[in-house]
Amino acid sequence: MHNPYKPKQNKSKTEHKKAKAMEENLKKEIVQHITKNLLDIQILALISKEPTWGYKIKKQIEAFSGLKIRHGALYPLLKKLEDKGLITSKKQQQGKRTRKVYALTEKGKTYIETYNATIEELMG
């Protein structure tokens, strides 16, 4: 029943807020789904921008997706990408700390380009 003391406009604003909130929740859910299922692609995309190390990759993915990435999931995946020839790693001294920095290979660049072209083609 309509409340005569409450303007109709407020109801539409409320509905708009609910719709916006639902859209944000769905977007978050989709980003998390993509990240969980295409973590290797996410990693390659990050490394394609600049060579980087594991902890930075972990933090960037977590910031983007809201998902917590376990070290036990990340480092074996980095090893797998390296074994496939998509990335290389090199130890670099950073003050007292030694970091393993990952960079994309030519095969990795081709892989990410082919992935992007395929997605574009599928999305029409």
N, C-alpha and C. Protein backbone atom coordinates (compact mmCIF):
# COMPACT_ATOMS: atom_id res chain seq x y z
N MET A 1 0.84 -1.17 0.00
CA MET A 1 0.00 0.00 0.00
C MET A 1 0.89 1.24 0.00
N HIS A 2 0.50 2.23 -0.78
CA HIS A 2 1.26 3.46 -0.91
C HIS A 2 1.05 4.35 0.30
N ASN A 3 2.14 4.84 0.86
CA ASN A 3 2.08 5.77 1.99
C ASN A 3 1.94 7.18 1.41
N PRO A 4 0.81 7.86 1.67
CA PRO A 4 0.59 9.19 1.09
C PRO A 4 1.56 10.23 1.62
N TYR A 5 2.23 9.96 2.72
CA TYR A 5 3.16 10.93 3.30
C TYR A 5 4.58 10.78 2.77
N LYS A 6 4.80 9.69 2.07
CA LYS A 6 6.13 9.44 1.53
C LYS A 6 6.11 9.68 0.02
N PRO A 7 6.88 10.63 -0.47
CA PRO A 7 6.86 10.92 -1.91
C PRO A 7 7.30 9.72 -2.73
N LYS A 8 6.68 9.56 -3.90
CA LYS A 8 7.01 8.45 -4.79
C LYS A 8 8.47 8.49 -5.23
N GLN A 9 9.02 9.69 -5.37
CA GLN A 9 10.39 9.86 -5.83
C GLN A 9 11.38 9.12 -4.93
N ASN A 10 11.15 9.13 -3.62
CA ASN A 10 12.04 8.43 -2.69
C ASN A 10 12.06 6.93 -2.97
N LYS A 11 10.90 6.40 -3.32
CA LYS A 11 10.84 4.98 -3.62
C LYS A 11 11.70 4.65 -4.83
N SER A 12 11.65 5.48 -5.85
CA SER A 12 12.45 5.20 -7.03
C SER A 12 13.94 5.39 -6.74
N LYS A 13 14.27 6.34 -5.86
CA LYS A 13 15.66 6.50 -5.46
C LYS A 13 16.14 5.27 -4.71
N THR A 14 15.30 4.75 -3.84
CA THR A 14 15.62 3.54 -3.09
C THR A 14 15.81 2.36 -4.04
N GLU A 15 14.89 2.24 -5.00
CA GLU A 15 15.01 1.16 -5.97
C GLU A 15 16.29 1.31 -6.79
N HIS A 16 16.61 2.54 -7.15
CA HIS A 16 17.84 2.80 -7.90
C HIS A 16 19.06 2.39 -7.08
N LYS A 17 19.06 2.73 -5.78
CA LYS A 17 20.18 2.37 -4.90
C LYS A 17 20.31 0.85 -4.79
N LYS A 18 19.15 0.17 -4.67
CA LYS A 18 19.17 -1.29 -4.56
C LYS A 18 19.71 -1.91 -5.85
N ALA A 19 19.27 -1.38 -6.99
CA ALA A 19 19.73 -1.90 -8.27
C ALA A 19 21.24 -1.67 -8.42
N LYS A 20 21.71 -0.50 -8.02
CA LYS A 20 23.13 -0.17 -8.11
C LYS A 20 23.95 -1.10 -7.20
N ALA A 21 23.44 -1.34 -5.98
CA ALA A 21 24.13 -2.23 -5.04
C ALA A 21 24.18 -3.65 -5.60
N MET A 22 23.07 -4.09 -6.19
CA MET A 22 23.02 -5.43 -6.77
C MET A 22 24.04 -5.54 -7.93
N GLU A 23 24.09 -4.50 -8.75
CA GLU A 23 25.04 -4.48 -9.87
C GLU A 23 26.48 -4.53 -9.37
N GLU A 24 26.79 -3.79 -8.32
CA GLU A 24 28.14 -3.81 -7.73
C GLU A 24 28.47 -5.19 -7.18
N ASN A 25 27.51 -5.81 -6.49
CA ASN A 25 27.73 -7.16 -5.94
C ASN A 25 27.96 -8.17 -7.05
N LEU A 26 27.17 -8.06 -8.13
CA LEU A 26 27.35 -8.98 -9.26
C LEU A 26 28.70 -8.77 -9.92
N LYS A 27 29.10 -7.51 -10.06
CA LYS A 27 30.41 -7.21 -10.66
C LYS A 27 31.52 -7.83 -9.82
N LYS A 28 31.44 -7.68 -8.50
CA LYS A 28 32.43 -8.24 -7.59
C LYS A 28 32.47 -9.77 -7.74
N GLU A 29 31.29 -10.38 -7.79
CA GLU A 29 31.19 -11.83 -7.94
C GLU A 29 31.81 -12.30 -9.26
N ILE A 30 31.56 -11.57 -10.34
CA ILE A 30 32.10 -11.93 -11.66
C ILE A 30 33.62 -11.78 -11.67
N VAL A 31 34.13 -10.68 -11.10
CA VAL A 31 35.59 -10.47 -11.03
C VAL A 31 36.24 -11.61 -10.25
N GLN A 32 35.63 -12.00 -9.14
CA GLN A 32 36.19 -13.09 -8.33
C GLN A 32 36.14 -14.41 -9.09
N HIS A 33 35.06 -14.64 -9.82
CA HIS A 33 34.93 -15.87 -10.63
C HIS A 33 36.02 -15.92 -11.70
N ILE A 34 36.20 -14.80 -12.39
CA ILE A 34 37.23 -14.72 -13.44
C ILE A 34 38.62 -14.95 -12.82
N THR A 35 38.87 -14.31 -11.69
CA THR A 35 40.18 -14.44 -11.04
C THR A 35 40.44 -15.87 -10.61
N LYS A 36 39.45 -16.51 -10.00
CA LYS A 36 39.63 -17.89 -9.56
C LYS A 36 39.90 -18.83 -10.73
N ASN A 37 39.17 -18.62 -11.82
CA ASN A 37 39.24 -19.55 -12.95
C ASN A 37 40.31 -19.20 -13.98
N LEU A 38 40.75 -17.96 -13.98
CA LEU A 38 41.75 -17.53 -14.96
C LEU A 38 42.91 -16.83 -14.27
N LEU A 39 43.32 -17.37 -13.14
CA LEU A 39 44.41 -16.76 -12.39
C LEU A 39 45.69 -16.69 -13.22
N ASP A 40 45.95 -17.72 -14.03
CA ASP A 40 47.14 -17.70 -14.86
C ASP A 40 47.11 -16.54 -15.86
N ILE A 41 45.95 -16.26 -16.44
CA ILE A 41 45.81 -15.15 -17.38
C ILE A 41 46.01 -13.82 -16.65
N GLN A 42 45.44 -13.71 -15.44
CA GLN A 42 45.60 -12.49 -14.64
C GLN A 42 47.09 -12.24 -14.36
N ILE A 43 47.79 -13.29 -14.01
CA ILE A 43 49.22 -13.18 -13.70
C ILE A 43 50.00 -12.75 -14.94
N LEU A 44 49.72 -13.39 -16.07
CA LEU A 44 50.41 -13.02 -17.31
C LEU A 44 50.13 -11.57 -17.69
N ALA A 45 48.90 -11.13 -17.52
CA ALA A 45 48.53 -9.75 -17.84
C ALA A 45 49.30 -8.77 -16.96
N LEU A 46 49.42 -9.08 -15.66
CA LEU A 46 50.18 -8.21 -14.75
C LEU A 46 51.66 -8.16 -15.13
N ILE A 47 52.23 -9.33 -15.40
CA ILE A 47 53.65 -9.39 -15.73
C ILE A 47 53.92 -8.73 -17.09
N SER A 48 52.93 -8.75 -17.98
CA SER A 48 53.13 -8.13 -19.30
C SER A 48 53.32 -6.62 -19.20
N LYS A 49 52.79 -6.02 -18.14
CA LYS A 49 52.94 -4.57 -17.95
C LYS A 49 54.35 -4.22 -17.49
N GLU A 50 54.90 -5.04 -16.61
CA GLU A 50 56.27 -4.84 -16.14
C GLU A 50 56.73 -6.09 -15.38
N PRO A 51 58.02 -6.41 -15.47
CA PRO A 51 58.54 -7.54 -14.68
C PRO A 51 58.26 -7.26 -13.19
N THR A 52 57.89 -8.30 -12.48
CA THR A 52 57.51 -8.11 -11.07
C THR A 52 57.75 -9.39 -10.28
N TRP A 53 57.61 -9.31 -8.97
CA TRP A 53 57.87 -10.44 -8.08
C TRP A 53 56.56 -10.97 -7.49
N GLY A 54 56.64 -12.17 -6.93
CA GLY A 54 55.47 -12.89 -6.44
C GLY A 54 54.59 -12.13 -5.47
N TYR A 55 55.19 -11.53 -4.45
CA TYR A 55 54.39 -10.84 -3.43
C TYR A 55 53.62 -9.67 -4.04
N LYS A 56 54.25 -8.95 -4.97
CA LYS A 56 53.59 -7.82 -5.62
C LYS A 56 52.42 -8.32 -6.49
N ILE A 57 52.63 -9.43 -7.18
CA ILE A 57 51.56 -10.04 -7.98
C ILE A 57 50.38 -10.39 -7.07
N LYS A 58 50.69 -11.03 -5.96
CA LYS A 58 49.67 -11.43 -4.98
C LYS A 58 48.86 -10.22 -4.52
N LYS A 59 49.54 -9.15 -4.14
CA LYS A 59 48.87 -7.94 -3.63
C LYS A 59 48.03 -7.26 -4.71
N GLN A 60 48.54 -7.21 -5.95
CA GLN A 60 47.79 -6.58 -7.03
C GLN A 60 46.52 -7.36 -7.36
N ILE A 61 46.61 -8.67 -7.38
CA ILE A 61 45.43 -9.50 -7.66
C ILE A 61 44.41 -9.37 -6.54
N GLU A 62 44.89 -9.37 -5.31
CA GLU A 62 43.98 -9.22 -4.16
C GLU A 62 43.29 -7.86 -4.18
N ALA A 63 44.03 -6.81 -4.53
CA ALA A 63 43.44 -5.46 -4.59
C ALA A 63 42.39 -5.38 -5.70
N PHE A 64 42.66 -6.00 -6.82
CA PHE A 64 41.75 -5.96 -7.96
C PHE A 64 40.50 -6.79 -7.73
N SER A 65 40.68 -7.99 -7.19
CA SER A 65 39.57 -8.95 -7.12
C SER A 65 38.91 -9.05 -5.75
N GLY A 66 39.62 -8.66 -4.71
CA GLY A 66 39.08 -8.84 -3.36
C GLY A 66 39.30 -10.26 -2.83
N LEU A 67 39.91 -11.12 -3.64
CA LEU A 67 40.19 -12.49 -3.21
C LEU A 67 41.54 -12.56 -2.53
N LYS A 68 41.64 -13.41 -1.55
CA LYS A 68 42.93 -13.68 -0.91
C LYS A 68 43.59 -14.82 -1.66
N ILE A 69 44.80 -14.57 -2.15
CA ILE A 69 45.55 -15.58 -2.88
C ILE A 69 46.58 -16.18 -1.94
N ARG A 70 46.52 -17.51 -1.77
CA ARG A 70 47.48 -18.18 -0.90
C ARG A 70 48.81 -18.34 -1.63
N HIS A 71 49.90 -18.22 -0.87
CA HIS A 71 51.23 -18.45 -1.44
C HIS A 71 51.31 -19.86 -2.03
N GLY A 72 50.64 -20.81 -1.38
CA GLY A 72 50.62 -22.20 -1.82
C GLY A 72 49.91 -22.40 -3.14
N ALA A 73 49.15 -21.40 -3.58
CA ALA A 73 48.49 -21.47 -4.89
C ALA A 73 49.28 -20.65 -5.92
N LEU A 74 49.83 -19.52 -5.48
CA LEU A 74 50.51 -18.61 -6.39
C LEU A 74 51.84 -19.16 -6.92
N TYR A 75 52.71 -19.58 -6.02
CA TYR A 75 54.06 -19.96 -6.44
C TYR A 75 54.10 -21.22 -7.30
N PRO A 76 53.29 -22.24 -7.03
CA PRO A 76 53.25 -23.37 -7.97
C PRO A 76 52.74 -22.96 -9.36
N LEU A 77 51.80 -22.01 -9.39
CA LEU A 77 51.29 -21.53 -10.67
C LEU A 77 52.37 -20.75 -11.43
N LEU A 78 53.14 -19.92 -10.72
CA LEU A 78 54.25 -19.22 -11.35
C LEU A 78 55.26 -20.22 -11.92
N LYS A 79 55.53 -21.28 -11.17
CA LYS A 79 56.45 -22.34 -11.62
C LYS A 79 55.91 -23.01 -12.88
N LYS A 80 54.60 -23.29 -12.90
CA LYS A 80 53.96 -23.92 -14.05
C LYS A 80 54.06 -23.02 -15.29
N LEU A 81 53.83 -21.72 -15.11
CA LEU A 81 53.93 -20.77 -16.22
C LEU A 81 55.36 -20.70 -16.75
N GLU A 82 56.31 -20.81 -15.82
CA GLU A 82 57.72 -20.80 -16.20
C GLU A 82 58.07 -22.10 -16.96
N ASP A 83 57.58 -23.23 -16.46
CA ASP A 83 57.83 -24.52 -17.12
C ASP A 83 57.24 -24.56 -18.54
N LYS A 84 56.12 -23.85 -18.75
CA LYS A 84 55.48 -23.78 -20.07
C LYS A 84 56.20 -22.80 -21.00
N GLY A 85 57.16 -22.07 -20.46
CA GLY A 85 57.91 -21.13 -21.27
C GLY A 85 57.22 -19.79 -21.48
N LEU A 86 56.21 -19.48 -20.65
CA LEU A 86 55.47 -18.24 -20.80
C LEU A 86 56.11 -17.08 -20.02
N ILE A 87 56.84 -17.43 -18.96
CA ILE A 87 57.55 -16.42 -18.16
C ILE A 87 58.95 -16.95 -17.83
N THR A 88 59.82 -16.03 -17.47
CA THR A 88 61.14 -16.39 -16.96
C THR A 88 61.30 -15.74 -15.60
N SER A 89 62.23 -16.22 -14.82
CA SER A 89 62.50 -15.60 -13.52
C SER A 89 63.99 -15.36 -13.38
N LYS A 90 64.29 -14.33 -12.64
CA LYS A 90 65.69 -13.98 -12.38
C LYS A 90 65.76 -13.46 -10.95
N LYS A 91 66.74 -13.94 -10.22
CA LYS A 91 66.91 -13.45 -8.85
C LYS A 91 67.60 -12.09 -8.91
N GLN A 92 67.04 -11.15 -8.14
CA GLN A 92 67.61 -9.80 -8.07
C GLN A 92 67.80 -9.42 -6.61
N GLN A 93 68.92 -8.80 -6.36
CA GLN A 93 69.21 -8.33 -5.00
C GLN A 93 68.51 -6.99 -4.78
N GLN A 94 67.75 -6.89 -3.71
CA GLN A 94 67.01 -5.67 -3.36
C GLN A 94 67.44 -5.32 -1.93
N GLY A 95 68.51 -4.58 -1.78
CA GLY A 95 69.04 -4.33 -0.44
C GLY A 95 69.58 -5.64 0.12
N LYS A 96 69.08 -6.02 1.29
CA LYS A 96 69.49 -7.30 1.90
C LYS A 96 68.64 -8.47 1.39
N ARG A 97 67.56 -8.17 0.70
CA ARG A 97 66.60 -9.18 0.26
C ARG A 97 66.88 -9.59 -1.20
N THR A 98 66.70 -10.87 -1.47
CA THR A 98 66.79 -11.37 -2.84
C THR A 98 65.37 -11.67 -3.30
N ARG A 99 65.00 -11.09 -4.43
CA ARG A 99 63.66 -11.32 -4.99
C ARG A 99 63.78 -12.07 -6.30
N LYS A 100 62.79 -12.91 -6.55
CA LYS A 100 62.69 -13.60 -7.83
C LYS A 100 61.73 -12.76 -8.67
N VAL A 101 62.28 -12.13 -9.71
CA VAL A 101 61.48 -11.25 -10.56
C VAL A 101 61.08 -12.00 -11.82
N TYR A 102 59.79 -11.93 -12.14
CA TYR A 102 59.23 -12.65 -13.29
C TYR A 102 59.01 -11.69 -14.45
N ALA A 103 59.33 -12.16 -15.66
CA ALA A 103 59.12 -11.38 -16.88
C ALA A 103 58.47 -12.28 -17.92
N LEU A 104 57.73 -11.67 -18.83
CA LEU A 104 57.07 -12.39 -19.90
C LEU A 104 58.07 -12.74 -21.00
N THR A 105 57.95 -13.94 -21.54
CA THR A 105 58.77 -14.34 -22.70
C THR A 105 58.01 -13.96 -23.97
N GLU A 106 58.65 -14.14 -25.12
CA GLU A 106 57.95 -13.90 -26.39
C GLU A 106 56.73 -14.82 -26.51
N LYS A 107 56.90 -16.07 -26.08
CA LYS A 107 55.78 -17.02 -26.11
C LYS A 107 54.65 -16.52 -25.20
N GLY A 108 55.01 -15.98 -24.04
CA GLY A 108 54.02 -15.44 -23.11
C GLY A 108 53.29 -14.25 -23.70
N LYS A 109 54.03 -13.37 -24.40
CA LYS A 109 53.40 -12.21 -25.06
C LYS A 109 52.41 -12.68 -26.12
N THR A 110 52.83 -13.66 -26.91
CA THR A 110 51.95 -14.21 -27.95
C THR A 110 50.72 -14.85 -27.32
N TYR A 111 50.92 -15.55 -26.21
CA TYR A 111 49.83 -16.22 -25.50
C TYR A 111 48.78 -15.20 -25.06
N ILE A 112 49.22 -14.12 -24.41
CA ILE A 112 48.28 -13.12 -23.87
C ILE A 112 47.60 -12.37 -25.02
N GLU A 113 48.33 -12.09 -26.10
CA GLU A 113 47.73 -11.43 -27.27
C GLU A 113 46.67 -12.33 -27.91
N THR A 114 46.98 -13.62 -28.04
CA THR A 114 46.04 -14.57 -28.62
C THR A 114 44.81 -14.71 -27.73
N TYR A 115 45.02 -14.76 -26.42
CA TYR A 115 43.91 -14.83 -25.48
C TYR A 115 42.99 -13.62 -25.66
N ASN A 116 43.57 -12.41 -25.67
CA ASN A 116 42.77 -11.18 -25.81
C ASN A 116 42.01 -11.15 -27.14
N ALA A 117 42.66 -11.55 -28.23
CA ALA A 117 42.02 -11.57 -29.53
C ALA A 117 40.87 -12.59 -29.55
N THR A 118 41.07 -13.73 -28.90
CA THR A 118 40.03 -14.77 -28.85
C THR A 118 38.83 -14.29 -28.06
N ILE A 119 39.07 -13.63 -26.95
CA ILE A 119 37.97 -13.09 -26.13
C ILE A 119 37.19 -12.04 -26.93
N GLU A 120 37.91 -11.15 -27.60
CA GLU A 120 37.26 -10.12 -28.43
C GLU A 120 36.38 -10.77 -29.50
N GLU A 121 36.93 -11.80 -30.15
CA GLU A 121 36.20 -12.51 -31.20
C GLU A 121 34.95 -13.18 -30.64
N LEU A 122 35.07 -13.81 -29.50
CA LEU A 122 33.93 -14.50 -28.90
C LEU A 122 32.84 -13.53 -28.44
N MET A 123 33.26 -12.35 -27.98
CA MET A 123 32.30 -11.37 -27.48
C MET A 123 31.65 -10.59 -28.62
N GLY A 124 32.22 -10.73 -29.81
CA GLY A 124 31.62 -10.13 -31.00
C GLY A 124 31.68 -8.65 -31.02
